[in-house]
Amino acid sequence: MAGSERCRRARATWEVSESEPEPEPEPEPHDPSAAPEVSPPAAAAVRPKRRRAAGEAEARRRERQRRKEREALEKREAAAAAWRLLRPERCLRLLEVCVDPGFLEDPGSDIWIKALSSLDCKHSFKPQAIPCSITWRRNMPTIPSSPDDCMVKTEEEKEVLVLLEPADFLKRLYSLTQTFVDASSGSQPDLNQVLPLASLEGSSTKTYSLAVVGLDAYRCNQEQNGWQALSPGKQSSKSQPGPELFMTQQEILEAQVVLQLWGNIDVQLLDTWQEFGEHISALTKAIARRPYKSQLEMQELSFCTAGVSGKGLRVEKDGTGLWQVWKSQIQQFNRVSPATAAAIAEAYPSPGLLVQAYEECSTEGERLLLLSNIPVKSDIGGKEHRVGPDLSRRVYLFMVSTNPDLILDLTV
């Protein structure tokens, strides 16, 4: 009886406990760094937006890359166009020869102006800072950002050619000789006696040269007149020859050396106006080709001029073509055929390998004859011969000698 009562009481307690609400769980602390919970439909809507933004960013990156490549291509084309203008066959068109109008007073001006007109360059008559002088100007194309923006910049060349009359030249030369004869030893000669440059602006950046036409004929003529003036009954103060006429050829040459060493002033003594025209033409061509040669010297392999006009060989960045250059260098020796040069280059494909082979030889005689037994197939008839001891000796001396004055070819 008591047991049944306890069971009834426990069942009532269980029923009551089941009807009571369960305690709510305490909320977890909020973490600001945690990503907010997104429901599955919202996440599905975000993913296309992210893909669309990534695609737009990739498209913008590709567009920037294409723009950079296009700009680089335009710059290369513009640089190539400017480079083509500097080539030897076109460089004269960029040059202008500026001649002082005083040249027109000379009797032989028509001769050398005709020679100047035959060149493919402009020439004009403009007053110069030094009377009877010639200067050069170049219309240099600049490297623009695009081929349509090609600009032309005018540059003054450093060369200045001054023409002197024979009488004036001798007087100036005699005054120069007197300055370093009377001066103490070790003092610098006064070059202003020949070419007064102290008052000229920018003279330190110029390279001056002098040209004298008909000096020998003038001296012979004045020498005859001088002897006649010194003859009895014909002496007068006005007809007395000046001291400059008594300068010897040795004194004139010594004065020219002083001008060359102290002032870097070259003197050209020419007999006729035709020679003067040829000198101006040669100087004009040399000035016109200078930018082209400077660009070649800036290249890594300046002796490998690409193109038919330079008759050189193209060397790629990966080294393709270096073997052809090495073969061409061997062929520069006297009496070396293309077949012989190719045979040596095939046996030793680079100068470094040839030097290494020389170092491995034990005696000097072995080094001298290292290349002598290399077989060479002749281009004509297919007969085979050897390189020979003479060429082997010359190549060895060229590769190892440090004497710049050494004569390699004893038969010359």
Protein backbone atom coordinates (compact mmCIF):
# COMPACT_ATOMS: atom_id res chain seq x y z
CA MET A 1 0.00 0.00 0.00
CA ALA A 2 2.73 2.38 0.90
CA GLY A 3 4.69 1.41 -2.28
CA SER A 4 1.80 2.20 -4.61
CA GLU A 5 1.39 5.56 -2.97
CA ARG A 6 5.03 6.44 -3.64
CA CYS A 7 4.70 5.45 -7.34
CA ARG A 8 1.64 7.64 -7.78
CA ARG A 9 3.42 10.58 -6.20
CA ALA A 10 6.53 10.18 -8.48
CA ARG A 11 4.38 10.01 -11.64
CA ALA A 12 2.66 13.30 -10.75
CA THR A 13 6.03 14.93 -10.19
CA TRP A 14 7.26 13.73 -13.63
CA GLU A 15 4.15 15.08 -15.35
CA VAL A 16 4.57 18.44 -13.74
CA SER A 17 8.29 18.65 -14.72
CA GLU A 18 7.47 17.84 -18.34
CA SER A 19 4.99 20.69 -18.53
CA GLU A 20 7.50 23.29 -17.28
CA PRO A 21 9.33 25.36 -19.97
CA GLU A 22 12.98 24.58 -20.61
CA PRO A 23 15.47 27.27 -19.59
CA GLU A 24 16.69 29.41 -22.55
CA PRO A 25 20.44 29.19 -23.36
CA GLU A 26 22.52 32.19 -22.49
CA PRO A 27 23.46 34.30 -25.60
CA GLU A 28 27.08 34.01 -26.67
CA PRO A 29 29.18 37.22 -26.66
CA HIS A 30 29.20 39.00 -30.11
CA ASP A 31 32.52 38.86 -32.02
CA PRO A 32 32.84 41.89 -34.34
CA SER A 33 35.46 40.15 -36.46
CA ALA A 34 33.19 37.23 -37.19
CA ALA A 35 31.43 37.29 -40.56
CA PRO A 36 27.70 37.79 -40.40
CA GLU A 37 25.62 34.79 -41.01
CA VAL A 38 24.07 34.87 -44.44
CA SER A 39 21.15 32.83 -45.43
CA PRO A 40 21.58 30.50 -48.45
CA PRO A 41 19.45 32.68 -50.82
CA ALA A 42 21.47 35.80 -49.93
CA ALA A 43 24.82 34.00 -50.47
CA ALA A 44 23.64 32.83 -53.87
CA ALA A 45 22.91 36.46 -54.82
CA VAL A 46 26.38 37.69 -53.68
CA ARG A 47 28.39 35.16 -55.70
CA PRO A 48 27.42 36.51 -59.19
CA LYS A 49 28.26 40.06 -58.09
CA ARG A 50 31.74 38.95 -56.99
CA ARG A 51 32.30 37.07 -60.24
CA ARG A 52 31.15 40.12 -62.21
CA ALA A 53 33.53 42.43 -60.30
CA ALA A 54 36.45 40.03 -60.82
CA GLY A 55 35.71 39.85 -64.54
CA GLU A 56 35.63 43.65 -64.83
CA ALA A 57 38.95 43.95 -62.98
CA GLU A 58 40.53 41.37 -65.31
CA ALA A 59 39.19 43.24 -68.35
CA ARG A 60 40.66 46.51 -67.05
CA ARG A 61 44.01 44.83 -66.46
CA ARG A 62 44.07 43.41 -69.99
CA GLU A 63 43.14 46.80 -71.43
CA ARG A 64 46.02 48.45 -69.55
CA GLN A 65 48.39 45.77 -70.81
CA ARG A 66 47.21 46.25 -74.40
CA ARG A 67 47.60 50.03 -74.05
CA LYS A 68 51.17 49.66 -72.76
CA GLU A 69 52.07 47.29 -75.59
CA ARG A 70 50.54 49.67 -78.14
CA GLU A 71 52.46 52.65 -76.73
CA ALA A 72 55.70 50.66 -76.70
CA LEU A 73 55.13 49.63 -80.31
CA GLU A 74 54.48 53.24 -81.35
CA LYS A 75 57.67 54.38 -79.60
CA ARG A 76 59.67 51.66 -81.34
CA GLU A 77 58.22 52.66 -84.70
CA ALA A 78 58.99 56.32 -84.06
CA ALA A 79 62.55 55.48 -82.96
CA ALA A 80 63.01 53.32 -86.05
CA ALA A 81 61.80 56.18 -88.25
CA ALA A 82 64.25 58.58 -86.61
CA TRP A 83 67.03 55.99 -86.93
CA ARG A 84 66.34 55.57 -90.65
CA LEU A 85 66.85 59.30 -91.12
CA LEU A 86 70.36 59.01 -89.63
CA ARG A 87 71.52 56.28 -91.99
CA PRO A 88 74.43 57.18 -94.31
CA GLU A 89 72.28 57.30 -97.43
CA ARG A 90 69.89 59.85 -95.87
CA CYS A 91 71.88 61.73 -93.22
CA LEU A 92 73.04 64.48 -95.61
CA ARG A 93 69.45 65.64 -96.04
CA LEU A 94 69.38 66.69 -92.38
CA LEU A 95 72.46 68.90 -92.65
CA GLU A 96 72.69 72.57 -93.63
CA VAL A 97 75.98 74.25 -94.55
CA CYS A 98 76.04 77.90 -93.46
CA VAL A 99 78.53 79.93 -95.51
CA ASP A 100 79.62 83.46 -94.69
CA PRO A 101 78.83 85.88 -97.59
CA GLY A 102 82.47 86.97 -97.57
CA PHE A 103 83.31 83.78 -99.45
CA LEU A 104 81.60 85.16 -102.53
CA GLU A 105 84.37 87.75 -102.91
CA ASP A 106 86.96 85.05 -103.62
CA PRO A 107 87.64 84.42 -107.31
CA GLY A 108 87.34 80.63 -106.98
CA SER A 109 84.11 80.56 -104.98
CA ASP A 110 82.09 79.29 -107.96
CA ILE A 111 84.25 76.16 -108.16
CA TRP A 112 83.81 74.92 -104.61
CA ILE A 113 80.18 76.07 -104.33
CA LYS A 114 79.45 73.87 -107.34
CA ALA A 115 81.03 70.93 -105.49
CA LEU A 116 78.93 71.77 -102.42
CA SER A 117 75.75 71.91 -104.49
CA SER A 118 76.37 68.39 -105.75
CA LEU A 119 75.85 67.05 -102.21
CA ASP A 120 72.38 66.07 -101.05
CA CYS A 121 72.27 68.78 -98.39
CA LYS A 122 71.15 72.38 -97.98
CA HIS A 123 73.50 75.35 -98.03
CA SER A 124 72.80 78.98 -97.24
CA PHE A 125 74.71 82.24 -97.06
CA LYS A 126 74.44 83.79 -93.60
CA PRO A 127 76.79 86.16 -91.73
CA GLN A 128 78.97 84.22 -89.31
CA ALA A 129 80.69 85.25 -86.09
CA ILE A 130 84.07 84.90 -87.81
CA PRO A 131 84.40 86.43 -91.29
CA CYS A 132 84.93 83.95 -94.14
CA SER A 133 83.95 80.94 -92.07
CA ILE A 134 81.67 77.95 -92.58
CA THR A 135 79.50 76.31 -89.93
CA TRP A 136 77.08 73.38 -90.01
CA ARG A 137 73.59 72.94 -88.58
CA ARG A 138 71.65 69.71 -88.23
CA ASN A 139 67.87 69.31 -88.20
CA MET A 140 67.70 66.38 -85.81
CA PRO A 141 64.44 64.40 -85.56
CA THR A 142 63.50 63.74 -81.95
CA ILE A 143 62.04 60.44 -80.73
CA PRO A 144 58.35 61.25 -80.11
CA SER A 145 55.68 59.37 -78.20
CA SER A 146 53.95 58.49 -81.47
CA PRO A 147 54.91 58.60 -85.17
CA ASP A 148 52.49 61.50 -85.79
CA ASP A 149 54.26 63.71 -83.21
CA CYS A 150 57.66 63.73 -84.96
CA MET A 151 59.52 66.92 -84.03
CA VAL A 152 62.62 68.42 -85.63
CA LYS A 153 65.25 70.09 -83.45
CA THR A 154 67.98 72.27 -84.96
CA GLU A 155 71.44 71.77 -83.47
CA GLU A 156 74.61 73.72 -84.13
CA GLU A 157 77.57 71.48 -84.92
CA LYS A 158 80.90 72.13 -83.20
CA GLU A 159 83.03 72.34 -86.38
CA VAL A 160 84.01 75.78 -87.71
CA LEU A 161 86.13 76.15 -90.86
CA VAL A 162 87.88 79.50 -91.39
CA LEU A 163 89.38 80.49 -94.73
CA LEU A 164 92.47 82.73 -94.60
CA GLU A 165 94.25 84.51 -97.41
CA PRO A 166 97.91 83.42 -97.80
CA ALA A 167 99.25 86.87 -96.90
CA ASP A 168 97.03 87.12 -93.80
CA PHE A 169 97.91 83.57 -92.75
CA LEU A 170 101.65 84.21 -92.94
CA LYS A 171 101.34 87.43 -90.92
CA ARG A 172 99.37 85.67 -88.18
CA LEU A 173 101.75 82.75 -88.18
CA TYR A 174 104.75 85.04 -87.88
CA SER A 175 103.12 86.88 -84.94
CA LEU A 176 102.54 83.53 -83.26
CA THR A 177 106.17 82.49 -83.66
CA GLN A 178 107.28 85.75 -82.08
CA THR A 179 105.15 85.17 -78.99
CA PHE A 180 106.72 81.83 -78.10
CA VAL A 181 110.21 82.96 -79.14
CA ASP A 182 110.12 85.98 -76.83
CA ALA A 183 108.24 84.20 -74.03
CA SER A 184 109.94 82.28 -71.25
CA SER A 185 110.22 78.52 -71.41
CA GLY A 186 107.12 76.65 -70.31
CA SER A 187 104.69 79.50 -71.06
CA GLN A 188 101.70 78.93 -73.30
CA PRO A 189 101.83 80.55 -76.77
CA ASP A 190 99.30 83.27 -77.56
CA LEU A 191 96.98 81.59 -80.07
CA ASN A 192 94.88 84.74 -80.37
CA GLN A 193 97.55 86.02 -82.74
CA VAL A 194 96.26 83.48 -85.26
CA LEU A 195 92.58 83.16 -84.36
CA PRO A 196 91.15 85.72 -81.90
CA LEU A 197 88.56 83.66 -80.04
CA ALA A 198 88.61 85.33 -76.62
CA SER A 199 85.72 87.68 -77.50
CA LEU A 200 83.57 84.96 -79.10
CA GLU A 201 80.80 83.44 -77.02
CA GLY A 202 80.89 79.65 -76.79
CA SER A 203 84.27 79.34 -78.51
CA SER A 204 85.43 76.76 -75.96
CA THR A 205 82.87 74.24 -77.23
CA LYS A 206 83.86 74.62 -80.88
CA THR A 207 86.48 72.84 -82.95
CA TYR A 208 88.23 75.24 -85.31
CA SER A 209 90.20 74.48 -88.45
CA LEU A 210 91.96 76.76 -90.92
CA ALA A 211 92.13 76.47 -94.69
CA VAL A 212 94.63 78.33 -96.88
CA VAL A 213 94.42 78.12 -100.67
CA GLY A 214 97.49 78.79 -102.83
CA LEU A 215 100.10 79.41 -100.13
CA ASP A 216 103.03 77.96 -102.08
CA ALA A 217 102.16 79.92 -105.21
CA TYR A 218 101.85 83.11 -103.16
CA ARG A 219 105.22 82.60 -101.52
CA CYS A 220 106.93 81.94 -104.84
CA ASN A 221 105.34 85.02 -106.35
CA GLN A 222 106.24 87.25 -103.38
CA GLU A 223 109.73 85.86 -103.27
CA GLN A 224 110.31 86.92 -106.88
CA ASN A 225 108.81 90.34 -106.22
CA GLY A 226 110.91 90.65 -103.08
CA TRP A 227 114.14 90.00 -104.92
CA GLN A 228 113.16 92.59 -107.50
CA ALA A 229 112.35 95.09 -104.75
CA LEU A 230 115.79 94.50 -103.20
CA SER A 231 117.61 95.04 -106.49
CA PRO A 232 119.65 98.30 -106.79
CA GLY A 233 117.64 101.32 -107.84
CA LYS A 234 114.24 99.78 -106.95
CA GLN A 235 114.36 99.92 -103.15
CA SER A 236 111.53 101.78 -101.42
CA SER A 237 109.84 101.59 -98.03
CA LYS A 238 106.54 100.46 -99.54
CA SER A 239 108.05 97.70 -101.67
CA GLN A 240 110.07 96.14 -98.85
CA PRO A 241 108.87 92.53 -98.18
CA GLY A 242 107.59 91.81 -94.71
CA PRO A 243 109.43 89.51 -92.32
CA GLU A 244 106.75 86.84 -92.67
CA LEU A 245 107.86 86.21 -96.24
CA PHE A 246 111.22 85.05 -94.98
CA MET A 247 109.74 82.28 -92.84
CA THR A 248 111.17 78.91 -93.82
CA GLN A 249 109.10 75.80 -94.47
CA GLN A 250 110.40 74.36 -91.20
CA GLU A 251 109.15 77.38 -89.23
CA ILE A 252 105.72 77.15 -90.86
CA LEU A 253 105.46 73.45 -89.98
CA GLU A 254 106.52 74.12 -86.38
CA ALA A 255 103.87 76.82 -86.06
CA GLN A 256 101.25 74.38 -87.39
CA VAL A 257 102.31 71.85 -84.76
CA VAL A 258 101.89 74.51 -82.05
CA LEU A 259 98.37 75.26 -83.30
CA GLN A 260 97.48 71.56 -83.32
CA LEU A 261 98.89 70.74 -79.89
CA TRP A 262 97.95 73.86 -77.94
CA GLY A 263 94.72 74.89 -79.62
CA ASN A 264 93.51 71.73 -81.40
CA ILE A 265 93.42 73.85 -84.56
CA ASP A 266 94.01 71.92 -87.76
CA VAL A 267 95.51 73.73 -90.78
CA GLN A 268 94.78 72.58 -94.33
CA LEU A 269 97.17 73.94 -96.97
CA LEU A 270 95.47 73.49 -100.35
CA ASP A 271 96.76 74.33 -103.80
CA THR A 272 93.55 74.94 -105.75
CA TRP A 273 89.93 75.86 -105.14
CA GLN A 274 88.96 72.45 -106.47
CA GLU A 275 90.85 70.86 -103.55
CA PHE A 276 89.09 73.27 -101.20
CA GLY A 277 85.70 72.09 -102.53
CA GLU A 278 86.71 68.44 -102.08
CA HIS A 279 87.81 69.18 -98.50
CA ILE A 280 84.47 70.83 -97.66
CA SER A 281 82.57 67.92 -99.22
CA ALA A 282 84.54 65.34 -97.22
CA LEU A 283 84.13 67.32 -93.99
CA THR A 284 80.39 67.72 -94.59
CA LYS A 285 79.94 63.98 -95.14
CA ALA A 286 81.90 63.16 -91.99
CA ILE A 287 79.80 65.55 -89.90
CA ALA A 288 76.58 64.17 -91.38
CA ARG A 289 77.44 60.57 -90.52
CA ARG A 290 78.58 61.25 -86.95
CA PRO A 291 75.19 60.59 -85.20
CA TYR A 292 74.85 57.29 -87.05
CA LYS A 293 78.30 56.17 -85.96
CA SER A 294 77.62 57.29 -82.40
CA GLN A 295 74.47 55.17 -82.32
CA LEU A 296 76.41 52.17 -83.60
CA GLU A 297 79.07 52.58 -80.91
CA MET A 298 76.37 52.57 -78.22
CA GLN A 299 75.24 49.09 -79.23
CA GLU A 300 76.61 46.03 -77.45
CA LEU A 301 78.14 44.65 -80.65
CA SER A 302 78.76 47.77 -82.71
CA PHE A 303 80.67 45.87 -85.40
CA CYS A 304 77.59 43.75 -86.17
CA THR A 305 75.65 46.25 -88.25
CA ALA A 306 72.33 44.80 -89.29
CA GLY A 307 71.22 45.32 -92.86
CA VAL A 308 72.70 45.09 -96.32
CA SER A 309 74.09 48.63 -96.34
CA GLY A 310 76.31 47.95 -93.33
CA LYS A 311 77.39 44.55 -94.71
CA GLY A 312 77.28 43.20 -91.17
CA LEU A 313 75.69 40.30 -89.34
CA ARG A 314 72.68 40.30 -87.05
CA VAL A 315 73.20 38.89 -83.56
CA GLU A 316 70.06 37.96 -81.65
CA LYS A 317 69.63 38.28 -77.90
CA ASP A 318 69.95 34.52 -77.45
CA GLY A 319 73.39 34.57 -79.12
CA THR A 320 72.29 33.36 -82.54
CA GLY A 321 74.72 34.72 -85.10
CA LEU A 322 77.80 34.93 -82.89
CA TRP A 323 79.37 31.98 -84.73
CA GLN A 324 78.98 33.84 -88.02
CA VAL A 325 80.62 36.91 -86.45
CA TRP A 326 83.52 34.79 -85.21
CA LYS A 327 83.96 33.28 -88.68
CA SER A 328 83.89 36.74 -90.25
CA GLN A 329 86.55 37.94 -87.81
CA ILE A 330 88.84 35.08 -88.82
CA GLN A 331 88.23 35.92 -92.46
CA GLN A 332 89.61 39.45 -91.85
CA PHE A 333 93.13 38.01 -91.90
CA ASN A 334 94.98 38.35 -95.20
CA ARG A 335 94.65 35.46 -97.65
CA VAL A 336 91.93 33.64 -95.69
CA SER A 337 89.07 32.19 -97.71
CA PRO A 338 85.54 31.66 -96.36
CA ALA A 339 86.15 27.90 -96.34
CA THR A 340 89.30 28.25 -94.22
CA ALA A 341 87.58 30.59 -91.77
CA ALA A 342 84.63 28.19 -91.51
CA ALA A 343 86.97 25.24 -90.82
CA ILE A 344 88.67 27.07 -87.92
CA ALA A 345 85.34 28.28 -86.53
CA GLU A 346 83.95 24.73 -86.64
CA ALA A 347 86.97 23.34 -84.81
CA TYR A 348 86.80 26.10 -82.18
CA PRO A 349 83.30 27.65 -82.20
CA SER A 350 84.24 30.69 -80.08
CA PRO A 351 87.34 32.75 -79.23
CA GLY A 352 87.13 31.57 -75.63
CA LEU A 353 87.41 27.91 -76.64
CA LEU A 354 90.42 28.72 -78.80
CA VAL A 355 92.16 30.55 -75.95
CA GLN A 356 91.39 27.62 -73.66
CA ALA A 357 93.00 25.26 -76.19
CA TYR A 358 96.10 27.47 -76.27
CA GLU A 359 96.32 27.31 -72.47
CA GLU A 360 96.19 23.51 -72.54
CA CYS A 361 99.22 23.33 -74.85
CA SER A 362 102.49 22.56 -73.09
CA THR A 363 104.99 24.33 -75.38
CA GLU A 364 105.11 27.53 -77.43
CA GLY A 365 105.71 25.58 -80.64
CA GLU A 366 102.62 23.50 -80.03
CA ARG A 367 100.55 26.68 -79.64
CA LEU A 368 101.94 28.16 -82.85
CA LEU A 369 100.99 25.05 -84.84
CA LEU A 370 97.68 24.31 -83.11
CA LEU A 371 95.55 25.22 -86.14
CA SER A 372 97.94 24.14 -88.87
CA ASN A 373 96.52 20.60 -89.39
CA ILE A 374 92.82 21.52 -89.48
CA PRO A 375 91.41 20.16 -92.78
CA VAL A 376 89.77 22.63 -95.16
CA LYS A 377 87.44 21.59 -97.98
CA SER A 378 87.98 23.79 -100.99
CA ASP A 379 84.98 25.46 -102.59
CA ILE A 380 86.43 24.82 -106.04
CA GLY A 381 86.93 21.20 -107.08
CA GLY A 382 86.27 19.82 -103.60
CA LYS A 383 89.98 19.28 -102.89
CA GLU A 384 91.04 19.20 -99.27
CA HIS A 385 94.02 21.08 -97.82
CA ARG A 386 95.26 22.23 -94.43
CA VAL A 387 95.14 25.59 -92.67
CA GLY A 388 98.93 25.68 -92.64
CA PRO A 389 101.53 26.97 -90.16
CA ASP A 390 101.55 30.58 -91.39
CA LEU A 391 97.88 31.30 -90.66
CA SER A 392 98.09 29.27 -87.45
CA ARG A 393 100.94 31.50 -86.27
CA ARG A 394 99.13 34.70 -87.19
CA VAL A 395 95.92 33.70 -85.40
CA TYR A 396 97.87 32.68 -82.29
CA LEU A 397 99.79 35.96 -82.12
CA PHE A 398 96.59 37.92 -82.65
CA MET A 399 94.82 36.09 -79.81
CA VAL A 400 97.56 36.28 -77.16
CA SER A 401 99.80 39.23 -78.02
CA THR A 402 99.55 42.47 -76.01
CA ASN A 403 101.73 44.48 -78.40
CA PRO A 404 99.48 46.82 -80.47
CA ASP A 405 102.30 47.47 -82.99
CA LEU A 406 103.01 43.81 -83.69
CA ILE A 407 103.07 42.96 -87.42
CA LEU A 408 101.22 39.69 -87.94
CA ASP A 409 101.72 39.24 -91.68
CA LEU A 410 105.44 39.07 -92.46
CA THR A 411 104.81 38.95 -96.22
CA VAL A 412 103.32 42.46 -96.38
